[in-house]
């Protein structure tokens, strides 16, 4: 003989189990929506990047260095050159090859505006491939590779 205790009714009682099927359905629909929308939300900035499978370009035997010295005088290679003669001297040095890269070096104390004037002079002469030359600081490059935790604290900020 079976006895029913507590008066549990199947019609009006609370269900203690959670039905997860609608939750799974909603999550799958959201997953599909986000998978479709994610590529559309990325910002496309047009950048002309070289292909990685291209062979490296040969370095020139004698690179053309243009130096801006502290007194704003120009030197092409080892010889000084006046700003008015820059285009003709570059043409003679590069044999009118406008595709040759010009390496621009400048003293650290030269103002940015003067560097831009020289770059504009190169551009007006037809030399559009300009490389900026700088010195590499091995201590800084090692610190940057090690991460922010390895960098020394700036002086004067310790308490």
Protein backbone atom coordinates (compact mmCIF):
# COMPACT_ATOMS: atom_id res chain seq x y z
CA UNK A 1 0.00 0.00 0.00
CA UNK A 2 1.42 3.32 -1.07
CA UNK A 3 0.97 6.45 0.93
CA UNK A 4 1.38 9.94 -0.42
CA UNK A 5 2.72 12.38 2.16
CA UNK A 6 2.76 16.17 1.84
CA UNK A 7 0.07 16.54 -0.77
CA UNK A 8 2.29 17.16 -3.80
CA UNK A 9 0.22 18.16 -6.79
CA UNK A 10 1.57 17.91 -10.28
CA UNK A 11 -0.70 20.69 -11.45
CA UNK A 12 0.05 23.60 -9.12
CA UNK A 13 3.40 22.79 -7.51
CA UNK A 14 6.69 24.51 -8.16
CA UNK A 15 9.25 22.86 -10.38
CA UNK A 16 12.64 22.65 -8.71
CA UNK A 17 14.56 21.86 -11.91
CA UNK A 18 15.74 24.61 -14.28
CA UNK A 19 14.89 24.15 -17.92
CA UNK A 20 18.14 25.11 -19.75
CA UNK A 21 16.98 24.41 -23.29
CA UNK A 22 15.70 27.97 -23.96
CA UNK A 23 18.87 29.38 -22.40
CA UNK A 24 21.04 27.28 -24.75
CA UNK A 25 18.96 28.35 -27.74
CA UNK A 26 19.39 32.03 -26.89
CA UNK A 27 23.13 31.61 -26.36
CA UNK A 28 23.57 29.87 -29.73
CA UNK A 29 21.66 32.64 -31.52
CA UNK A 30 23.81 35.29 -29.78
CA UNK A 31 26.96 33.36 -30.69
CA UNK A 32 25.98 33.35 -34.35
CA UNK A 33 25.14 37.06 -34.26
CA UNK A 34 28.48 37.94 -32.69
CA UNK A 35 30.39 35.71 -35.10
CA UNK A 36 28.81 37.55 -38.02
CA UNK A 37 29.14 41.02 -36.47
CA UNK A 38 32.74 40.74 -35.17
CA UNK A 39 34.49 41.05 -38.55
CA UNK A 40 32.27 43.99 -39.43
CA UNK A 41 33.22 45.90 -36.28
CA UNK A 42 36.97 45.93 -36.92
CA UNK A 43 38.44 49.18 -38.14
CA UNK A 44 39.99 48.97 -41.58
CA UNK A 45 42.86 51.42 -41.84
CA UNK A 46 44.40 51.35 -45.31
CA UNK A 47 48.08 50.52 -44.85
CA UNK A 48 50.42 49.62 -47.67
CA UNK A 49 52.40 46.79 -46.07
CA UNK A 50 55.05 44.80 -47.91
CA UNK A 51 54.46 41.12 -48.39
CA UNK A 52 56.40 38.88 -46.07
CA UNK A 53 57.39 36.36 -48.72
CA UNK A 54 59.33 38.90 -50.79
CA UNK A 55 63.09 38.47 -50.82
CA UNK A 56 64.96 41.15 -48.89
CA UNK A 57 66.24 44.04 -50.96
CA UNK A 58 69.92 44.34 -51.51
CA UNK A 59 71.57 47.07 -49.52
CA UNK A 60 73.37 49.67 -51.60
CA UNK A 61 77.15 49.51 -51.59
CA UNK A 62 77.41 53.22 -50.89
CA UNK A 63 74.28 54.53 -49.15
CA UNK A 64 73.57 58.22 -49.65
CA UNK A 65 73.65 60.01 -46.30
CA UNK A 66 72.40 63.56 -45.94
CA UNK A 67 73.36 65.04 -42.59
CA UNK A 68 71.90 68.11 -40.90
CA UNK A 69 74.50 69.37 -38.47
CA UNK A 70 73.92 71.38 -35.31
CA UNK A 71 74.54 74.68 -37.10
CA UNK A 72 71.91 73.65 -39.74
CA UNK A 73 74.53 73.12 -42.45
CA UNK A 74 74.06 70.15 -44.77
CA UNK A 75 76.55 67.45 -45.64
CA UNK A 76 76.03 64.99 -48.45
CA UNK A 77 78.21 62.04 -47.58
CA UNK A 78 81.37 63.67 -46.24
CA UNK A 79 81.20 66.86 -48.32
CA UNK A 80 79.30 69.97 -47.29
CA UNK A 81 76.60 71.19 -49.65
CA UNK A 82 74.54 74.37 -49.81
CA UNK A 83 70.74 74.02 -49.72
CA UNK A 84 70.49 75.57 -53.18
CA UNK A 85 72.83 72.94 -54.65
CA UNK A 86 71.22 69.98 -52.88
CA UNK A 87 69.11 68.79 -55.84
CA UNK A 88 71.92 69.01 -58.38
CA UNK A 89 74.44 67.30 -56.09
CA UNK A 90 71.97 64.50 -55.35
CA UNK A 91 71.32 64.04 -59.07
CA UNK A 92 75.04 63.78 -59.70
CA UNK A 93 75.59 61.38 -56.80
CA UNK A 94 72.67 59.09 -57.61
CA UNK A 95 72.98 59.42 -61.40
CA UNK A 96 69.41 60.84 -61.51
CA UNK A 97 68.01 57.67 -59.91
CA UNK A 98 65.03 59.13 -58.03
CA UNK A 99 64.15 55.71 -56.59
CA UNK A 100 67.32 55.54 -54.52
CA UNK A 101 66.76 55.87 -50.80
CA UNK A 102 68.29 58.92 -49.12
CA UNK A 103 69.26 58.37 -45.49
CA UNK A 104 68.68 61.54 -43.46
CA UNK A 105 70.66 62.08 -40.26
CA UNK A 106 70.21 65.06 -37.98
CA UNK A 107 71.84 66.29 -34.81
CA UNK A 108 69.66 65.88 -31.75
CA UNK A 109 69.48 69.63 -31.21
CA UNK A 110 68.12 70.39 -34.71
CA UNK A 111 64.51 71.60 -34.52
CA UNK A 112 61.85 69.47 -36.15
CA UNK A 113 60.82 72.30 -38.45
CA UNK A 114 64.33 72.43 -39.97
CA UNK A 115 64.29 68.68 -40.56
CA UNK A 116 60.94 69.07 -42.33
CA UNK A 117 62.38 71.85 -44.52
CA UNK A 118 65.16 69.55 -45.68
CA UNK A 119 62.68 66.72 -46.26
CA UNK A 120 60.53 69.09 -48.33
CA UNK A 121 63.61 70.09 -50.35
CA UNK A 122 64.31 66.40 -51.02
CA UNK A 123 60.69 65.88 -51.99
CA UNK A 124 60.68 68.83 -54.38
CA UNK A 125 63.88 67.46 -55.95
CA UNK A 126 61.98 64.22 -56.66
CA UNK A 127 63.49 62.00 -53.98
CA UNK A 128 60.53 60.45 -52.18
CA UNK A 129 62.29 57.52 -50.50
CA UNK A 130 63.76 59.02 -47.35
CA UNK A 131 65.01 56.98 -44.43
CA UNK A 132 65.55 58.58 -41.03
CA UNK A 133 68.69 57.41 -39.26
CA UNK A 134 69.02 57.21 -35.49
CA UNK A 135 71.31 55.59 -32.98
CA UNK A 136 70.11 52.56 -31.11
CA UNK A 137 70.50 52.60 -27.35
CA UNK A 138 71.19 48.98 -26.33
CA UNK A 139 70.19 49.60 -22.70
CA UNK A 140 66.77 50.95 -23.70
CA UNK A 141 66.11 48.18 -26.22
CA UNK A 142 66.92 45.53 -23.60
CA UNK A 143 64.69 47.27 -21.04
CA UNK A 144 61.85 47.48 -23.56
CA UNK A 145 62.21 43.79 -24.37
CA UNK A 146 62.21 42.86 -20.67
CA UNK A 147 58.93 44.69 -20.01
CA UNK A 148 57.81 47.54 -17.80
CA UNK A 149 58.75 45.77 -14.55
CA UNK A 150 62.45 45.76 -15.47
CA UNK A 151 62.65 49.49 -16.20
CA UNK A 152 64.43 51.59 -13.62
CA UNK A 153 62.42 54.26 -11.82
CA UNK A 154 63.10 57.82 -13.00
CA UNK A 155 65.37 59.75 -10.70
CA UNK A 156 63.80 62.34 -8.45
CA UNK A 157 60.53 60.44 -8.02
CA UNK A 158 61.54 58.16 -5.19
CA UNK A 159 60.14 59.01 -1.77
